[in-house]
């Protein structure tokens, strides 16, 4: 009971310690399929799981094949569920988003669609926190063809999940003793994961400040 109360849902190590591989599936499903999961640490969870597969730090002994399977399943099924929710909710979806962060993420997702088109937007969104949570229902609300969405969400989902897990695994396998610096490494991953969002916000600010010809 004390352990459950002490669980920090923002901590990748806490989630992995408490729920193991099944936690990866559940967290990624919630982050990519349900608007309530926008705060969950998808990037750091994937990277940390990969690292722990290589190092087995502490009492955590994760299997790389099972981690890859759980990560892919959670991300792909979650995205498809989010798409269906958006298709059924339609434009009322934004009105139901009571949190300003979610509403802002939805506007950003629509901007990605307008600027890059569905295929590129769906893939890019996987690497942008919050946007990857809201883009799937937004794609449904915008009536993106199901075949188009499914194809590119699978491509982006596999690139995101497999890429981050294997990056963590490679670091753990080829850098001796890296598990002793787990928290700083995770912090670095979180910062790096925010870089795409920061760059997009910077471009948007510059675009708004440029004089209209």
C-alpha atoms as a PDB file:
ATOM      1  CA  UNK A   1       0.000   0.000   0.000  1.00  0.00           C
ATOM      2  CA  UNK A   2       2.813   2.363   0.866  1.00  0.00           C
ATOM      3  CA  UNK A   3       4.576   1.557  -2.424  1.00  0.00           C
ATOM      4  CA  UNK A   4       1.417   2.268  -4.418  1.00  0.00           C
ATOM      5  CA  UNK A   5       0.924   5.581  -2.688  1.00  0.00           C
ATOM      6  CA  UNK A   6       4.544   6.500  -3.298  1.00  0.00           C
ATOM      7  CA  UNK A   7       4.374   5.770  -7.026  1.00  0.00           C
ATOM      8  CA  UNK A   8       5.279   8.770  -9.164  1.00  0.00           C
ATOM      9  CA  UNK A   9       3.490   8.441 -12.552  1.00  0.00           C
ATOM     10  CA  UNK A  10       5.961  10.912 -14.062  1.00  0.00           C
ATOM     11  CA  UNK A  11       8.943   8.725 -13.162  1.00  0.00           C
ATOM     12  CA  UNK A  12       9.952   6.108 -15.725  1.00  0.00           C
ATOM     13  CA  UNK A  13      11.888   4.116 -13.139  1.00  0.00           C
ATOM     14  CA  UNK A  14       8.940   4.097 -10.705  1.00  0.00           C
ATOM     15  CA  UNK A  15       6.581   2.881 -13.429  1.00  0.00           C
ATOM     16  CA  UNK A  16       8.965   0.150 -14.547  1.00  0.00           C
ATOM     17  CA  UNK A  17       9.716  -0.933 -10.965  1.00  0.00           C
ATOM     18  CA  UNK A  18       6.026  -1.192 -10.112  1.00  0.00           C
ATOM     19  CA  UNK A  19       4.531  -2.618 -13.310  1.00  0.00           C
ATOM     20  CA  UNK A  20       7.388  -3.964 -15.429  1.00  0.00           C
ATOM     21  CA  UNK A  21       6.797  -4.688 -19.104  1.00  0.00           C
ATOM     22  CA  UNK A  22       2.998  -4.530 -18.865  1.00  0.00           C
ATOM     23  CA  UNK A  23       3.352  -0.984 -17.575  1.00  0.00           C
ATOM     24  CA  UNK A  24       5.013   0.020 -20.841  1.00  0.00           C
ATOM     25  CA  UNK A  25       2.023  -1.194 -22.840  1.00  0.00           C
ATOM     26  CA  UNK A  26      -0.507   0.510 -20.557  1.00  0.00           C
ATOM     27  CA  UNK A  27       1.363   3.826 -20.342  1.00  0.00           C
ATOM     28  CA  UNK A  28       1.917   4.094 -24.099  1.00  0.00           C
ATOM     29  CA  UNK A  29      -1.682   3.158 -24.781  1.00  0.00           C
ATOM     30  CA  UNK A  30      -2.882   5.884 -22.411  1.00  0.00           C
ATOM     31  CA  UNK A  31      -0.440   8.484 -23.748  1.00  0.00           C
ATOM     32  CA  UNK A  32      -1.263   7.918 -27.413  1.00  0.00           C
ATOM     33  CA  UNK A  33      -4.915   6.913 -27.176  1.00  0.00           C
ATOM     34  CA  UNK A  34      -6.473   8.814 -24.284  1.00  0.00           C
ATOM     35  CA  UNK A  35      -6.318  12.554 -23.736  1.00  0.00           C
ATOM     36  CA  UNK A  36      -5.831  11.983 -20.009  1.00  0.00           C
ATOM     37  CA  UNK A  37      -2.420  10.439 -20.747  1.00  0.00           C
ATOM     38  CA  UNK A  38      -0.771  13.574 -22.134  1.00  0.00           C
ATOM     39  CA  UNK A  39       1.430  13.978 -19.013  1.00  0.00           C
ATOM     40  CA  UNK A  40       2.889  10.444 -19.074  1.00  0.00           C
ATOM     41  CA  UNK A  41       6.649  10.040 -19.742  1.00  0.00           C
ATOM     42  CA  UNK A  42       6.616   8.081 -23.007  1.00  0.00           C
ATOM     43  CA  UNK A  43      10.066   9.062 -24.287  1.00  0.00           C
ATOM     44  CA  UNK A  44      11.935   8.503 -21.040  1.00  0.00           C
ATOM     45  CA  UNK A  45       9.980   5.287 -20.361  1.00  0.00           C
ATOM     46  CA  UNK A  46      11.025   3.760 -23.688  1.00  0.00           C
ATOM     47  CA  UNK A  47      14.658   4.823 -23.363  1.00  0.00           C
ATOM     48  CA  UNK A  48      14.915   3.678 -19.748  1.00  0.00           C
ATOM     49  CA  UNK A  49      13.324   0.323 -20.526  1.00  0.00           C
ATOM     50  CA  UNK A  50      15.863  -0.267 -23.281  1.00  0.00           C
ATOM     51  CA  UNK A  51      18.731   0.712 -21.019  1.00  0.00           C
ATOM     52  CA  UNK A  52      17.526  -1.602 -18.252  1.00  0.00           C
ATOM     53  CA  UNK A  53      17.238  -4.485 -20.730  1.00  0.00           C
ATOM     54  CA  UNK A  54      20.975  -4.158 -21.238  1.00  0.00           C
ATOM     55  CA  UNK A  55      22.107  -3.432 -17.680  1.00  0.00           C
ATOM     56  CA  UNK A  56      19.520  -5.141 -15.447  1.00  0.00           C
ATOM     57  CA  UNK A  57      20.073  -2.398 -12.868  1.00  0.00           C
ATOM     58  CA  UNK A  58      18.794  -3.151  -9.391  1.00  0.00           C
ATOM     59  CA  UNK A  59      15.941  -5.663  -9.325  1.00  0.00           C
ATOM     60  CA  UNK A  60      14.701  -4.718 -12.806  1.00  0.00           C
ATOM     61  CA  UNK A  61      15.334  -7.480 -15.328  1.00  0.00           C
ATOM     62  CA  UNK A  62      13.488  -6.683 -18.545  1.00  0.00           C
ATOM     63  CA  UNK A  63      13.477  -8.758 -21.730  1.00  0.00           C
ATOM     64  CA  UNK A  64      14.273  -6.746 -24.869  1.00  0.00           C
ATOM     65  CA  UNK A  65      11.897  -8.686 -27.186  1.00  0.00           C
ATOM     66  CA  UNK A  66       9.004  -8.336 -24.720  1.00  0.00           C
ATOM     67  CA  UNK A  67       9.732  -4.644 -24.171  1.00  0.00           C
ATOM     68  CA  UNK A  68       9.749  -4.024 -27.932  1.00  0.00           C
ATOM     69  CA  UNK A  69       6.485  -5.933 -28.327  1.00  0.00           C
ATOM     70  CA  UNK A  70       4.768  -4.147 -25.429  1.00  0.00           C
ATOM     71  CA  UNK A  71       5.964  -0.726 -26.597  1.00  0.00           C
ATOM     72  CA  UNK A  72       4.840  -1.236 -30.180  1.00  0.00           C
ATOM     73  CA  UNK A  73       1.480  -2.716 -29.153  1.00  0.00           C
ATOM     74  CA  UNK A  74       0.695   0.094 -26.709  1.00  0.00           C
ATOM     75  CA  UNK A  75       1.664   2.860 -29.128  1.00  0.00           C
ATOM     76  CA  UNK A  76      -0.062   1.405 -32.198  1.00  0.00           C
ATOM     77  CA  UNK A  77      -3.288   0.277 -30.528  1.00  0.00           C
ATOM     78  CA  UNK A  78      -3.477   3.523 -28.548  1.00  0.00           C
ATOM     79  CA  UNK A  79      -3.123   5.672 -31.656  1.00  0.00           C
ATOM     80  CA  UNK A  80      -5.843   3.750 -33.470  1.00  0.00           C
ATOM     81  CA  UNK A  81      -8.199   4.063 -30.491  1.00  0.00           C
ATOM     82  CA  UNK A  82      -7.495   7.806 -30.305  1.00  0.00           C
ATOM     83  CA  UNK A  83      -8.293   8.094 -34.018  1.00  0.00           C
ATOM     84  CA  UNK A  84     -11.646   6.333 -33.553  1.00  0.00           C
ATOM     85  CA  UNK A  85     -12.497   8.583 -30.598  1.00  0.00           C
ATOM     86  CA  UNK A  86     -11.756  11.657 -32.714  1.00  0.00           C
ATOM     87  CA  UNK A  87     -13.791  10.343 -35.637  1.00  0.00           C
ATOM     88  CA  UNK A  88     -16.819   9.826 -33.404  1.00  0.00           C
ATOM     89  CA  UNK A  89     -16.442  12.999 -31.335  1.00  0.00           C
ATOM     90  CA  UNK A  90     -15.814  15.244 -34.329  1.00  0.00           C
ATOM     91  CA  UNK A  91     -15.149  18.946 -33.838  1.00  0.00           C
ATOM     92  CA  UNK A  92     -16.780  18.807 -30.389  1.00  0.00           C
ATOM     93  CA  UNK A  93     -13.540  17.166 -29.245  1.00  0.00           C
ATOM     94  CA  UNK A  94     -11.764  20.484 -28.728  1.00  0.00           C
ATOM     95  CA  UNK A  95     -14.677  21.850 -26.692  1.00  0.00           C
ATOM     96  CA  UNK A  96     -14.370  18.836 -24.374  1.00  0.00           C
ATOM     97  CA  UNK A  97     -10.667  19.422 -23.793  1.00  0.00           C
ATOM     98  CA  UNK A  98     -10.819  21.316 -20.511  1.00  0.00           C
ATOM     99  CA  UNK A  99      -7.050  21.673 -20.099  1.00  0.00           C
ATOM    100  CA  UNK A 100      -5.326  24.594 -21.869  1.00  0.00           C
ATOM    101  CA  UNK A 101      -2.311  22.393 -22.610  1.00  0.00           C
ATOM    102  CA  UNK A 102      -4.475  19.880 -24.460  1.00  0.00           C
ATOM    103  CA  UNK A 103      -6.304  22.614 -26.389  1.00  0.00           C
ATOM    104  CA  UNK A 104      -2.951  24.123 -27.401  1.00  0.00           C
ATOM    105  CA  UNK A 105      -1.722  20.693 -28.456  1.00  0.00           C
ATOM    106  CA  UNK A 106      -4.787  20.247 -30.632  1.00  0.00           C
ATOM    107  CA  UNK A 107      -4.183  23.552 -32.377  1.00  0.00           C
ATOM    108  CA  UNK A 108      -0.560  22.554 -32.938  1.00  0.00           C
ATOM    109  CA  UNK A 109      -1.660  19.200 -34.344  1.00  0.00           C
ATOM    110  CA  UNK A 110      -3.965  20.916 -36.823  1.00  0.00           C
ATOM    111  CA  UNK A 111      -1.130  23.227 -37.838  1.00  0.00           C
ATOM    112  CA  UNK A 112       1.081  20.207 -38.506  1.00  0.00           C
ATOM    113  CA  UNK A 113      -1.618  18.754 -40.756  1.00  0.00           C
ATOM    114  CA  UNK A 114      -1.958  22.007 -42.659  1.00  0.00           C
ATOM    115  CA  UNK A 115       1.780  22.578 -43.030  1.00  0.00           C
ATOM    116  CA  UNK A 116       3.089  19.063 -43.732  1.00  0.00           C
ATOM    117  CA  UNK A 117       0.078  17.028 -44.818  1.00  0.00           C
ATOM    118  CA  UNK A 118      -1.295  13.946 -43.020  1.00  0.00           C
ATOM    119  CA  UNK A 119       1.559  11.489 -43.651  1.00  0.00           C
ATOM    120  CA  UNK A 120       4.442  13.638 -42.414  1.00  0.00           C
ATOM    121  CA  UNK A 121       2.380  15.163 -39.593  1.00  0.00           C
ATOM    122  CA  UNK A 122       1.384  11.751 -38.219  1.00  0.00           C
ATOM    123  CA  UNK A 123       5.002  10.550 -38.170  1.00  0.00           C
ATOM    124  CA  UNK A 124       6.456  13.786 -36.753  1.00  0.00           C
ATOM    125  CA  UNK A 125       3.847  13.967 -33.996  1.00  0.00           C
ATOM    126  CA  UNK A 126       5.208  10.773 -32.427  1.00  0.00           C
ATOM    127  CA  UNK A 127       8.324  12.690 -31.376  1.00  0.00           C
ATOM    128  CA  UNK A 128       6.567  15.750 -29.909  1.00  0.00           C
ATOM    129  CA  UNK A 129       5.195  15.449 -26.344  1.00  0.00           C
ATOM    130  CA  UNK A 130       1.494  16.324 -25.909  1.00  0.00           C
ATOM    131  CA  UNK A 131       1.075  16.612 -29.701  1.00  0.00           C
ATOM    132  CA  UNK A 132       1.451  12.835 -30.047  1.00  0.00           C
ATOM    133  CA  UNK A 133      -1.427  12.504 -27.565  1.00  0.00           C
ATOM    134  CA  UNK A 134      -3.839  14.814 -29.343  1.00  0.00           C
ATOM    135  CA  UNK A 135      -2.933  14.362 -33.004  1.00  0.00           C
ATOM    136  CA  UNK A 136      -4.607  10.955 -33.243  1.00  0.00           C
ATOM    137  CA  UNK A 137      -8.091  12.168 -32.245  1.00  0.00           C
ATOM    138  CA  UNK A 138      -7.529  15.339 -34.276  1.00  0.00           C
ATOM    139  CA  UNK A 139      -6.785  13.182 -37.326  1.00  0.00           C
ATOM    140  CA  UNK A 140     -10.074  11.403 -36.742  1.00  0.00           C
ATOM    141  CA  UNK A 141     -11.961  14.672 -36.308  1.00  0.00           C
ATOM    142  CA  UNK A 142     -10.466  15.970 -39.575  1.00  0.00           C
ATOM    143  CA  UNK A 143     -11.721  12.841 -41.361  1.00  0.00           C
ATOM    144  CA  UNK A 144      -8.301  11.614 -42.401  1.00  0.00           C
ATOM    145  CA  UNK A 145      -8.797   8.404 -44.439  1.00  0.00           C
ATOM    146  CA  UNK A 146      -8.471   5.402 -42.136  1.00  0.00           C
ATOM    147  CA  UNK A 147      -6.018   3.647 -44.451  1.00  0.00           C
ATOM    148  CA  UNK A 148      -3.771   6.707 -44.634  1.00  0.00           C
ATOM    149  CA  UNK A 149      -3.797   7.217 -40.878  1.00  0.00           C
ATOM    150  CA  UNK A 150      -3.169   3.559 -40.101  1.00  0.00           C
ATOM    151  CA  UNK A 151      -0.253   3.267 -42.513  1.00  0.00           C
ATOM    152  CA  UNK A 152       1.588   6.315 -41.209  1.00  0.00           C
ATOM    153  CA  UNK A 153       0.791   5.889 -37.526  1.00  0.00           C
ATOM    154  CA  UNK A 154       2.231   2.368 -37.722  1.00  0.00           C
ATOM    155  CA  UNK A 155       5.354   3.677 -39.472  1.00  0.00           C
ATOM    156  CA  UNK A 156       5.786   6.536 -36.993  1.00  0.00           C
ATOM    157  CA  UNK A 157       4.892   4.395 -33.993  1.00  0.00           C
ATOM    158  CA  UNK A 158       7.470   1.731 -34.818  1.00  0.00           C
ATOM    159  CA  UNK A 159      10.131   4.321 -35.575  1.00  0.00           C
ATOM    160  CA  UNK A 160       9.487   6.035 -32.240  1.00  0.00           C
ATOM    161  CA  UNK A 161       9.170   2.996 -29.973  1.00  0.00           C
ATOM    162  CA  UNK A 162      11.780   0.704 -31.505  1.00  0.00           C
ATOM    163  CA  UNK A 163      14.201   3.579 -32.061  1.00  0.00           C
ATOM    164  CA  UNK A 164      14.117   4.820 -28.460  1.00  0.00           C
ATOM    165  CA  UNK A 165      14.206   1.354 -26.890  1.00  0.00           C
ATOM    166  CA  UNK A 166      17.186   0.302 -29.026  1.00  0.00           C
ATOM    167  CA  UNK A 167      18.940   3.608 -28.340  1.00  0.00           C
ATOM    168  CA  UNK A 168      18.649   2.955 -24.603  1.00  0.00           C
ATOM    169  CA  UNK A 169      19.744  -0.649 -25.061  1.00  0.00           C
ATOM    170  CA  UNK A 170      22.795   0.390 -27.093  1.00  0.00           C
ATOM    171  CA  UNK A 171      23.826   2.905 -24.442  1.00  0.00           C
ATOM    172  CA  UNK A 172      23.497   0.322 -21.684  1.00  0.00           C
ATOM    173  CA  UNK A 173      25.343  -2.331 -23.682  1.00  0.00           C
ATOM    174  CA  UNK A 174      28.289  -0.251 -24.872  1.00  0.00           C
ATOM    175  CA  UNK A 175      28.833   2.229 -22.018  1.00  0.00           C
ATOM    176  CA  UNK A 176      29.966   0.350 -18.884  1.00  0.00           C
ATOM    177  CA  UNK A 177      28.453   1.561 -15.616  1.00  0.00           C
ATOM    178  CA  UNK A 178      25.966   3.921 -17.256  1.00  0.00           C
ATOM    179  CA  UNK A 179      23.223   2.565 -14.960  1.00  0.00           C
ATOM    180  CA  UNK A 180      24.973   4.373 -12.080  1.00  0.00           C
ATOM    181  CA  UNK A 181      23.974   7.638 -13.752  1.00  0.00           C
ATOM    182  CA  UNK A 182      20.435   6.604 -14.601  1.00  0.00           C
ATOM    183  CA  UNK A 183      18.675   9.732 -13.348  1.00  0.00           C
ATOM    184  CA  UNK A 184      20.938  12.220 -15.199  1.00  0.00           C
ATOM    185  CA  UNK A 185      20.621  10.128 -18.364  1.00  0.00           C
ATOM    186  CA  UNK A 186      16.821  10.100 -18.104  1.00  0.00           C
ATOM    187  CA  UNK A 187      16.810  13.856 -17.483  1.00  0.00           C
ATOM    188  CA  UNK A 188      18.889  14.310 -20.640  1.00  0.00           C
ATOM    189  CA  UNK A 189      16.445  12.178 -22.632  1.00  0.00           C
ATOM    190  CA  UNK A 190      13.523  14.283 -21.405  1.00  0.00           C
ATOM    191  CA  UNK A 191      15.313  17.470 -22.441  1.00  0.00           C
ATOM    192  CA  UNK A 192      16.196  16.059 -25.861  1.00  0.00           C
ATOM    193  CA  UNK A 193      12.612  14.885 -26.367  1.00  0.00           C
ATOM    194  CA  UNK A 194      11.437  18.466 -25.863  1.00  0.00           C
ATOM    195  CA  UNK A 195      13.795  19.829 -28.534  1.00  0.00           C
ATOM    196  CA  UNK A 196      11.381  19.205 -31.469  1.00  0.00           C
ATOM    197  CA  UNK A 197       8.602  20.996 -29.605  1.00  0.00           C
ATOM    198  CA  UNK A 198      10.927  23.897 -28.782  1.00  0.00           C
ATOM    199  CA  UNK A 199      12.063  24.214 -32.391  1.00  0.00           C
ATOM    200  CA  UNK A 200       8.499  24.212 -33.636  1.00  0.00           C
ATOM    201  CA  UNK A 201       7.501  26.893 -31.132  1.00  0.00           C
ATOM    202  CA  UNK A 202      10.520  28.986 -32.160  1.00  0.00           C
ATOM    203  CA  UNK A 203       9.640  28.686 -35.851  1.00  0.00           C
ATOM    204  CA  UNK A 204       6.047  29.595 -35.089  1.00  0.00           C
ATOM    205  CA  UNK A 205       7.114  32.685 -33.120  1.00  0.00           C
ATOM    206  CA  UNK A 206       9.404  33.809 -35.927  1.00  0.00           C
ATOM    207  CA  UNK A 207       6.655  33.258 -38.490  1.00  0.00           C
ATOM    208  CA  UNK A 208       4.248  35.401 -36.496  1.00  0.00           C
ATOM    209  CA  UNK A 209       6.765  38.220 -36.062  1.00  0.00           C
ATOM    210  CA  UNK A 210       7.761  38.339 -39.743  1.00  0.00           C
ATOM    211  CA  UNK A 211       6.196  41.298 -41.567  1.00  0.00           C
ATOM    212  CA  UNK A 212       3.433  40.397 -43.998  1.00  0.00           C
ATOM    213  CA  UNK A 213       4.496  41.176 -47.596  1.00  0.00           C
END
